[in-house]
Amino acid sequence: MPDLDSDGSWLLTLDGTPQSYVDLVDPTRLEFEYTRRLGHLVDALAPAGVPLAALHLGGGALTLPRYVAATRPGSRQLAVEADGPLVDLVAEVLPWGAAAEVAVGDARERLAATEPAGWDLVVADVFQGSRTPAHLNSVDFVRLAAAALRPGGCYAANLADGAPLAFAAAQTANVRAVFAHTCLIAEPSVLRGRRYGNLLLVGSDHPLPADTLARRLAADPFPARLVDGPDLRRLAARATPVPDAEAEPSPPPPSGAFSIG
């Protein structure tokens, strides 16, 4: 649907759930809060303008690949999207040009087949409707992501959860079991279990730019908190890493949590 208040801007929804917001005039405009936080992460990973090799698991309308292409020209990007008709629709209505290569397929299968140590950034942002599929919620999946990263590379997963944050705790345990350095980013109300919402989980084998990220997050219209150190260890201690055999889809959101009228 076009945004009638902003020329060249579009909202993509699937089954009533907002999935992507794209500004064709200004691809550096990130309307969704969780996408803006991913943009902050991209900005903090390397000096401004330096190209990155980025693997995006979950394509939607390619908001983040467009941002990376605009802010870091020459970046090598691959977006993997399971919904072929969706890719065709986005190509027709919201063409992305040379911003990224797009492949239709299962995110985990493509991740398992990707070259080892080939990417600076792996972003997992895969939802079937409003839930993340079970086979992307295990520690085994996180190990595949780690194997695809270059030394110093970064893994980022967009997930959604609400009180009592059991899913977030399990996913944090997964990432902490694989990466030496981790952090979690979310609005304080989500972290306190007061509402259902997005959380961004980040891992790397090198220290993360936590101070830079925290300053950027605090300056947002809807400020988010970066959790690491003892606070993150306490959250992870509530769960154990989840093997493939025990992985489940993310919890469904409460009625109306992400839908639009």
Protein backbone atom coordinates (compact mmCIF):
# COMPACT_ATOMS: atom_id res chain seq x y z
CA MET A 1 0.00 0.00 0.00
CA PRO A 2 1.33 3.49 -0.80
CA ASP A 3 1.84 5.83 2.14
CA LEU A 4 -0.43 8.71 1.19
CA ASP A 5 1.48 11.04 3.52
CA SER A 6 4.87 10.42 1.90
CA ASP A 7 5.47 10.30 -1.86
CA GLY A 8 7.40 7.24 -2.95
CA SER A 9 6.87 5.36 0.31
CA TRP A 10 5.17 1.99 0.62
CA LEU A 11 4.01 -0.38 3.34
CA LEU A 12 4.11 -4.13 2.74
CA THR A 13 1.72 -6.26 4.79
CA LEU A 14 1.13 -10.00 4.75
CA ASP A 15 -2.11 -11.33 6.21
CA GLY A 16 -2.64 -8.03 7.98
CA THR A 17 0.81 -7.98 9.60
CA PRO A 18 3.17 -5.14 8.60
CA GLN A 19 6.38 -6.63 7.16
CA SER A 20 8.33 -3.83 5.50
CA TYR A 21 8.30 -0.09 4.91
CA VAL A 22 10.22 1.25 1.91
CA ASP A 23 10.96 4.81 0.87
CA LEU A 24 11.97 4.64 -2.79
CA VAL A 25 13.02 8.31 -2.76
CA ASP A 26 15.19 8.03 0.35
CA PRO A 27 16.23 4.42 1.11
CA THR A 28 18.10 5.61 4.20
CA ARG A 29 14.75 6.37 5.87
CA LEU A 30 14.00 3.49 8.21
CA GLU A 31 10.43 3.81 9.48
CA PHE A 32 10.08 0.65 11.57
CA GLU A 33 11.84 0.85 14.93
CA TYR A 34 13.51 -2.57 14.71
CA THR A 35 14.77 -1.79 11.20
CA ARG A 36 16.24 1.48 12.46
CA ARG A 37 18.11 -0.48 15.13
CA LEU A 38 19.51 -2.78 12.47
CA GLY A 39 20.58 0.35 10.60
CA HIS A 40 22.40 1.57 13.70
CA LEU A 41 24.20 -1.76 13.90
CA VAL A 42 25.25 -1.51 10.24
CA ASP A 43 26.50 2.04 10.84
CA ALA A 44 28.55 0.95 13.84
CA LEU A 45 30.17 -2.14 12.32
CA ALA A 46 32.66 -0.34 10.07
CA PRO A 47 33.71 3.21 9.15
CA ALA A 48 31.11 5.15 7.17
CA GLY A 49 30.93 4.22 3.51
CA VAL A 50 33.03 1.06 3.77
CA PRO A 51 31.34 -1.75 1.78
CA LEU A 52 30.09 -4.83 3.61
CA ALA A 53 29.27 -8.36 2.55
CA ALA A 54 25.79 -8.92 3.98
CA LEU A 55 23.58 -12.00 3.92
CA HIS A 56 19.94 -11.23 4.67
CA LEU A 57 17.80 -14.21 5.67
CA GLY A 58 14.27 -13.01 5.05
CA GLY A 59 13.75 -10.47 2.31
CA GLY A 60 10.36 -8.79 2.56
CA ALA A 61 10.59 -5.56 0.59
CA LEU A 62 14.39 -5.40 1.09
CA THR A 63 14.41 -2.35 3.34
CA LEU A 64 17.75 -3.10 5.00
CA PRO A 65 19.56 -4.16 1.80
CA ARG A 66 18.46 -0.88 0.20
CA TYR A 67 19.83 1.00 3.22
CA VAL A 68 23.18 -0.79 3.08
CA ALA A 69 23.46 -0.17 -0.68
CA ALA A 70 22.74 3.53 -0.19
CA THR A 71 25.07 4.09 2.76
CA ARG A 72 27.84 1.69 1.72
CA PRO A 73 28.06 1.64 -2.09
CA GLY A 74 29.75 -1.42 -3.51
CA SER A 75 28.49 -3.75 -0.78
CA ARG A 76 27.91 -7.37 -1.80
CA GLN A 77 24.48 -8.48 -0.63
CA LEU A 78 22.31 -11.56 -0.92
CA ALA A 79 18.74 -11.67 0.36
CA VAL A 80 17.00 -15.04 0.75
CA GLU A 81 13.20 -15.04 0.70
CA ALA A 82 11.04 -18.16 0.81
CA ASP A 83 7.97 -16.53 -0.78
CA GLY A 84 8.52 -16.50 -4.54
CA PRO A 85 5.30 -14.64 -5.43
CA LEU A 86 6.24 -11.99 -2.87
CA VAL A 87 9.61 -11.51 -4.55
CA ASP A 88 7.83 -11.11 -7.89
CA LEU A 89 5.42 -8.54 -6.42
CA VAL A 90 8.21 -6.49 -4.83
CA ALA A 91 10.23 -6.62 -8.07
CA GLU A 92 7.23 -5.25 -9.96
CA VAL A 93 6.09 -2.53 -7.57
CA LEU A 94 9.24 -1.70 -5.58
CA PRO A 95 12.23 -2.62 -7.80
CA TRP A 96 15.53 -2.72 -5.95
CA GLY A 97 17.91 -2.34 -8.89
CA ALA A 98 21.46 -3.42 -8.08
CA ALA A 99 21.05 -3.12 -4.31
CA ALA A 100 21.19 -6.87 -3.75
CA GLU A 101 20.92 -10.28 -5.32
CA VAL A 102 17.71 -12.04 -4.30
CA ALA A 103 17.31 -15.81 -4.09
CA VAL A 104 14.07 -17.68 -3.50
CA GLY A 105 14.47 -20.50 -1.02
CA ASP A 106 14.57 -21.63 2.59
CA ALA A 107 16.78 -19.44 4.76
CA ARG A 108 18.41 -22.28 6.65
CA GLU A 109 19.09 -24.36 3.57
CA ARG A 110 20.74 -21.40 1.86
CA LEU A 111 22.74 -20.58 4.99
CA ALA A 112 24.00 -24.16 5.21
CA ALA A 113 25.09 -24.01 1.57
CA THR A 114 26.80 -20.61 1.72
CA GLU A 115 30.55 -20.28 1.59
CA PRO A 116 32.27 -20.42 5.00
CA ALA A 117 33.75 -17.20 6.36
CA GLY A 118 32.26 -15.23 3.46
CA TRP A 119 30.12 -12.57 5.13
CA ASP A 120 30.63 -9.55 7.37
CA LEU A 121 27.01 -9.56 8.48
CA VAL A 122 24.30 -12.22 8.67
CA VAL A 123 20.83 -10.92 9.49
CA ALA A 124 18.05 -13.35 10.40
CA ASP A 125 14.66 -11.65 10.00
CA VAL A 126 12.37 -14.48 8.98
CA PHE A 127 8.70 -14.61 9.87
CA GLN A 128 5.93 -16.86 8.63
CA GLY A 129 3.07 -14.51 9.29
CA SER A 130 3.95 -13.21 12.74
CA ARG A 131 6.11 -16.14 13.96
CA THR A 132 9.67 -17.29 13.34
CA PRO A 133 9.80 -20.90 12.10
CA ALA A 134 11.14 -23.54 14.49
CA HIS A 135 14.13 -24.60 12.36
CA LEU A 136 15.58 -21.10 12.69
CA ASN A 137 15.32 -21.04 16.49
CA SER A 138 17.96 -23.60 17.47
CA VAL A 139 21.59 -23.32 18.55
CA ASP A 140 22.44 -25.43 15.49
CA PHE A 141 21.10 -22.65 13.27
CA VAL A 142 23.22 -20.08 15.10
CA ARG A 143 26.30 -22.26 14.56
CA LEU A 144 25.59 -22.23 10.82
CA ALA A 145 25.43 -18.44 10.93
CA ALA A 146 28.72 -18.27 12.82
CA ALA A 147 30.41 -20.50 10.25
CA ALA A 148 29.29 -18.16 7.45
CA LEU A 149 30.90 -15.10 9.08
CA ARG A 150 34.36 -13.73 8.49
CA PRO A 151 36.51 -13.10 11.59
CA GLY A 152 35.04 -10.06 13.29
CA GLY A 153 31.72 -10.55 11.50
CA CYS A 154 28.37 -10.01 13.18
CA TYR A 155 25.17 -12.04 13.48
CA ALA A 156 21.89 -10.22 14.16
CA ALA A 157 18.48 -11.81 14.69
CA ASN A 158 15.18 -9.97 14.83
CA LEU A 159 12.78 -11.82 17.13
CA ALA A 160 9.55 -11.03 18.91
CA ASP A 161 8.41 -12.01 22.37
CA GLY A 162 6.40 -10.92 25.39
CA ALA A 163 6.16 -11.76 29.07
CA PRO A 164 7.72 -13.87 30.53
CA LEU A 165 10.36 -13.57 27.73
CA ALA A 166 10.98 -17.32 27.71
CA PHE A 167 11.61 -17.37 23.96
CA ALA A 168 13.99 -14.42 24.19
CA ALA A 169 15.86 -16.14 27.02
CA ALA A 170 16.25 -19.35 24.98
CA GLN A 171 17.43 -17.45 21.91
CA THR A 172 19.90 -15.51 24.05
CA ALA A 173 21.21 -18.80 25.43
CA ASN A 174 21.66 -20.03 21.85
CA VAL A 175 23.67 -17.00 20.78
CA ARG A 176 25.78 -16.90 23.95
CA ALA A 177 26.66 -20.57 23.44
CA VAL A 178 28.16 -19.75 20.02
CA PHE A 179 29.51 -16.19 20.20
CA ALA A 180 31.96 -14.71 22.70
CA HIS A 181 30.33 -11.29 22.56
CA THR A 182 26.57 -10.74 22.62
CA CYS A 183 23.99 -8.07 23.32
CA LEU A 184 20.21 -7.66 23.21
CA ILE A 185 18.40 -4.52 22.07
CA ALA A 186 14.77 -3.66 22.79
CA GLU A 187 12.52 -1.00 24.23
CA PRO A 188 12.48 -1.01 28.05
CA SER A 189 8.78 -1.91 28.14
CA VAL A 190 9.47 -5.07 26.12
CA LEU A 191 12.46 -6.00 28.28
CA ARG A 192 10.31 -5.60 31.40
CA GLY A 193 7.62 -7.85 29.94
CA ARG A 194 5.02 -5.10 29.87
CA ARG A 195 4.24 -5.58 26.19
CA TYR A 196 4.96 -7.86 23.25
CA GLY A 197 7.49 -6.48 20.78
CA ASN A 198 10.66 -6.85 18.75
CA LEU A 199 14.06 -7.65 20.23
CA LEU A 200 17.34 -7.58 18.32
CA LEU A 201 19.87 -10.22 19.36
CA VAL A 202 23.48 -9.65 18.25
CA GLY A 203 26.58 -11.86 18.42
CA SER A 204 30.20 -11.74 17.26
CA ASP A 205 33.57 -13.32 17.93
CA HIS A 206 34.99 -9.79 18.38
CA PRO A 207 33.91 -7.11 20.87
CA LEU A 208 30.75 -5.32 19.77
CA PRO A 209 30.52 -1.51 19.42
CA ALA A 210 28.23 -1.41 22.44
CA ASP A 211 28.90 2.18 23.51
CA THR A 212 28.34 3.55 20.00
CA LEU A 213 25.17 1.50 19.61
CA ALA A 214 23.82 2.55 23.00
CA ARG A 215 24.22 6.24 22.15
CA ARG A 216 22.46 5.84 18.82
CA LEU A 217 19.63 3.84 20.38
CA ALA A 218 19.10 6.39 23.12
CA ALA A 219 18.68 9.16 20.53
CA ASP A 220 15.86 7.43 18.64
CA PRO A 221 12.28 8.76 18.81
CA PHE A 222 11.41 5.54 20.66
CA PRO A 223 14.62 4.88 22.63
CA ALA A 224 15.81 1.31 23.07
CA ARG A 225 18.07 -0.20 25.67
CA LEU A 226 21.17 -2.28 24.98
CA VAL A 227 21.57 -5.19 27.40
CA ASP A 228 24.90 -6.99 27.81
CA GLY A 229 27.19 -8.15 30.60
CA PRO A 230 25.58 -9.41 33.84
CA ASP A 231 22.05 -8.41 32.84
CA LEU A 232 22.25 -10.49 29.67
CA ARG A 233 23.81 -13.41 31.53
CA ARG A 234 20.88 -13.37 33.96
CA LEU A 235 18.40 -13.53 31.09
CA ALA A 236 20.28 -16.38 29.38
CA ALA A 237 20.53 -18.29 32.66
CA ARG A 238 16.75 -18.75 32.61
CA ALA A 239 17.11 -21.15 29.65
CA THR A 240 19.49 -23.59 27.99
CA PRO A 241 20.58 -23.70 24.33
CA VAL A 242 17.90 -25.29 22.18
CA PRO A 243 18.90 -28.21 19.89
CA ASP A 244 17.13 -28.79 16.59
CA ALA A 245 15.04 -31.61 18.04
CA GLU A 246 13.52 -29.29 20.66
CA ALA A 247 13.13 -26.09 18.63
CA GLU A 248 9.67 -24.54 18.37
CA PRO A 249 8.22 -21.55 16.52
CA SER A 250 8.31 -18.22 18.28
CA PRO A 251 5.22 -17.50 20.40
CA PRO A 252 2.23 -15.97 18.65
CA PRO A 253 1.63 -12.29 19.35
CA PRO A 254 -1.41 -11.15 21.29
CA SER A 255 -4.36 -10.25 19.12
CA GLY A 256 -3.75 -6.94 17.40
CA ALA A 257 -0.10 -6.63 18.47
CA PHE A 258 1.20 -6.08 14.93
CA SER A 259 -1.95 -5.87 12.83
CA ILE A 260 -3.24 -2.75 11.13
CA GLY A 261 -6.79 -1.59 10.85
